C-alpha atoms as a PDB file:
ATOM      1  CA  MET A   1     -25.809   4.176  -2.616  1.00  0.00           C
ATOM      2  CA  ALA A   2     -25.049   4.490   1.067  1.00  0.00           C
ATOM      3  CA  LYS A   3     -21.318   2.974   1.838  1.00  0.00           C
ATOM      4  CA  GLU A   4     -21.107  -0.292   3.933  1.00  0.00           C
ATOM      5  CA  LYS A   5     -18.172   0.223   6.927  1.00  0.00           C
ATOM      6  CA  VAL A   6     -17.139  -2.161   9.118  1.00  0.00           C
ATOM      7  CA  SER A   7     -15.421  -1.043  13.072  1.00  0.00           C
ATOM      8  CA  GLY A   8     -15.371  -2.083  16.080  1.00  0.00           C
ATOM      9  CA  ASP A   9     -17.575  -0.995  18.710  1.00  0.00           C
ATOM     10  CA  VAL A  10     -18.463   2.452  18.958  1.00  0.00           C
ATOM     11  CA  THR A  11     -15.051   2.996  20.896  1.00  0.00           C
ATOM     12  CA  SER A  12     -13.048   1.333  17.532  1.00  0.00           C
ATOM     13  CA  LYS A  13     -10.056   3.227  16.093  1.00  0.00           C
ATOM     14  CA  ALA A  14     -10.592   2.164  12.867  1.00  0.00           C
ATOM     15  CA  THR A  15     -13.174   2.266   9.955  1.00  0.00           C
ATOM     16  CA  VAL A  16     -12.989   0.393   7.595  1.00  0.00           C
ATOM     17  CA  THR A  17     -15.182   1.346   4.124  1.00  0.00           C
ATOM     18  CA  PRO A  18     -14.857  -1.433   1.562  1.00  0.00           C
ATOM     19  CA  PRO A  19     -12.918  -0.799  -1.912  1.00  0.00           C
ATOM     20  CA  ARG A  20     -15.589  -1.130  -5.211  1.00  0.00           C
ATOM     21  CA  SER A  21     -13.360  -2.492  -7.217  1.00  0.00           C
ATOM     22  CA  ALA A  22     -13.341  -5.657  -9.475  1.00  0.00           C
ATOM     23  CA  GLY A  23     -11.275  -7.869  -7.387  1.00  0.00           C
ATOM     24  CA  MET A  24     -13.845  -7.397  -4.655  1.00  0.00           C
ATOM     25  CA  LEU A  25     -17.371  -7.724  -6.146  1.00  0.00           C
ATOM     26  CA  PRO A  26     -20.229  -9.628  -6.006  1.00  0.00           C
ATOM     27  CA  LEU A  27     -19.962  -8.080  -2.267  1.00  0.00           C
ATOM     28  CA  HIS A  28     -22.080 -10.971  -0.543  1.00  0.00           C
ATOM     29  CA  ASP A  29     -19.625 -10.821   2.726  1.00  0.00           C
ATOM     30  CA  THR A  30     -17.674  -8.046   3.715  1.00  0.00           C
ATOM     31  CA  ILE A  31     -15.259  -9.573   5.698  1.00  0.00           C
ATOM     32  CA  ALA A  32     -14.758 -12.332   3.623  1.00  0.00           C
ATOM     33  CA  ASN A  33     -13.796 -10.672   0.995  1.00  0.00           C
ATOM     34  CA  MET A  34     -11.254  -7.941   3.143  1.00  0.00           C
ATOM     35  CA  VAL A  35      -9.816 -11.500   3.854  1.00  0.00           C
ATOM     36  CA  THR A  36      -9.316 -12.607   0.413  1.00  0.00           C
ATOM     37  CA  SER A  37      -9.863 -11.074  -1.541  1.00  0.00           C
ATOM     38  CA  MET A  38      -8.009  -7.357  -0.635  1.00  0.00           C
ATOM     39  CA  HIS A  39      -4.447  -5.585  -1.807  1.00  0.00           C
ATOM     40  CA  SER A  40      -2.452  -3.502  -1.174  1.00  0.00           C
ATOM     41  CA  SER A  41      -3.428  -1.620  -3.930  1.00  0.00           C
ATOM     42  CA  ASN A  42      -7.190  -1.697  -2.777  1.00  0.00           C
ATOM     43  CA  VAL A  43      -5.943   0.689   0.049  1.00  0.00           C
ATOM     44  CA  GLU A  44      -6.811   4.966  -0.629  1.00  0.00           C
ATOM     45  CA  SER A  45      -6.275   6.147   2.854  1.00  0.00           C
ATOM     46  CA  THR A  46      -5.676   4.826   6.273  1.00  0.00           C
ATOM     47  CA  MET A  47      -6.068   6.994   9.186  1.00  0.00           C
ATOM     48  CA  CYS A  48      -4.390   5.905  13.153  1.00  0.00           C
ATOM     49  CA  ASP A  49      -5.210   8.079  16.530  1.00  0.00           C
ATOM     50  CA  GLY A  50      -6.979  10.757  14.095  1.00  0.00           C
ATOM     51  CA  LYS A  51      -4.073  11.375  12.297  1.00  0.00           C
ATOM     52  CA  TRP A  52      -3.963  10.738   8.551  1.00  0.00           C
ATOM     53  CA  LEU A  53      -1.035   8.267   7.917  1.00  0.00           C
ATOM     54  CA  MET A  54      -1.816   7.616   4.182  1.00  0.00           C
ATOM     55  CA  ARG A  55      -4.711  10.152   2.290  1.00  0.00           C
ATOM     56  CA  ASP A  56      -5.036   9.493  -1.358  1.00  0.00           C
ATOM     57  CA  ARG A  57      -2.600   7.433  -1.471  1.00  0.00           C
ATOM     58  CA  VAL A  58       0.050   9.716  -0.522  1.00  0.00           C
ATOM     59  CA  ILE A  59       2.321   8.743   2.592  1.00  0.00           C
ATOM     60  CA  LEU A  60       1.920  12.135   5.185  1.00  0.00           C
ATOM     61  CA  THR A  61       4.137  10.511   7.816  1.00  0.00           C
ATOM     62  CA  LEU A  62       8.046   9.686   5.818  1.00  0.00           C
ATOM     63  CA  ASP A  63       9.226  10.795   2.930  1.00  0.00           C
ATOM     64  CA  GLU A  64       8.470   8.076   0.609  1.00  0.00           C
ATOM     65  CA  GLU A  65      10.851  10.079  -2.215  1.00  0.00           C
ATOM     66  CA  ALA A  66      14.219   9.623  -0.344  1.00  0.00           C
ATOM     67  CA  ILE A  67      13.406   6.097   1.442  1.00  0.00           C
ATOM     68  CA  LEU A  68      12.915   4.683  -2.302  1.00  0.00           C
ATOM     69  CA  LYS A  69      16.351   6.375  -3.551  1.00  0.00           C
ATOM     70  CA  GLU A  70      18.511   4.701  -0.637  1.00  0.00           C
ATOM     71  CA  ALA A  71      16.878   1.470  -1.426  1.00  0.00           C
ATOM     72  CA  CYS A  72      17.840   1.649  -4.642  1.00  0.00           C
ATOM     73  CA  ALA A  73      21.186   3.093  -3.478  1.00  0.00           C
ATOM     74  CA  ARG A  74      21.458  -0.317  -0.877  1.00  0.00           C
ATOM     75  CA  GLY A  75      20.453  -2.465  -3.382  1.00  0.00           C
ATOM     76  CA  ALA A  76      22.812  -1.339  -5.732  1.00  0.00           C
ATOM     77  CA  ALA A  77      25.262  -1.639  -3.039  1.00  0.00           C
ATOM     78  CA  ILE A  78      25.383  -5.031  -2.077  1.00  0.00           C
ATOM     79  CA  TYR A  79      25.516  -6.210  -5.807  1.00  0.00           C
ATOM     80  CA  ASP A  80      29.237  -4.028  -6.094  1.00  0.00           C
ATOM     81  CA  ARG A  81      29.988  -5.415  -2.427  1.00  0.00           C
ATOM     82  CA  ALA A  82      29.200  -9.508  -4.086  1.00  0.00           C
ATOM     83  CA  GLY A  83      30.705  -8.450  -7.043  1.00  0.00           C
ATOM     84  CA  ILE A  84      27.887  -9.395  -8.994  1.00  0.00           C
ATOM     85  CA  LYS A  85      27.395  -7.281 -12.740  1.00  0.00           C
ATOM     86  CA  LEU A  86      24.242  -7.821 -14.730  1.00  0.00           C
ATOM     87  CA  PRO A  87      24.094  -7.091 -17.973  1.00  0.00           C
ATOM     88  CA  ASP A  88      21.082  -4.727 -19.200  1.00  0.00           C
ATOM     89  CA  ARG A  89      19.068  -6.293 -20.897  1.00  0.00           C
ATOM     90  CA  PHE A  90      16.132  -3.756 -21.537  1.00  0.00           C
ATOM     91  CA  PRO A  91      16.715  -0.343 -22.529  1.00  0.00           C
ATOM     92  CA  VAL A  92      15.707   0.927 -18.949  1.00  0.00           C
ATOM     93  CA  VAL A  93      15.628   4.590 -17.328  1.00  0.00           C
ATOM     94  CA  LYS A  94      17.600   4.471 -14.203  1.00  0.00           C
ATOM     95  CA  VAL A  95      15.926   6.289 -10.747  1.00  0.00           C
END
């Protein structure tokens, strides 16, 4: 089965291929489904101006691991500055 593609005109810089996942089916109206049913988990790859930003769910333009590590450190610093100490409620592996 050919994939249905939605784009503007010939000069469009984006082509969207609707994902085939349970949350997107049945696919009667592509645009309506994309607006009402699509989630970020449906996005596999993104390209802008001919450059891949994310491909097969791997971000290519940023150091995702470093960003997540810094976000955790900043979150912990906010708790420290606020004097908030939450008890360990579950056995959690900290990153």
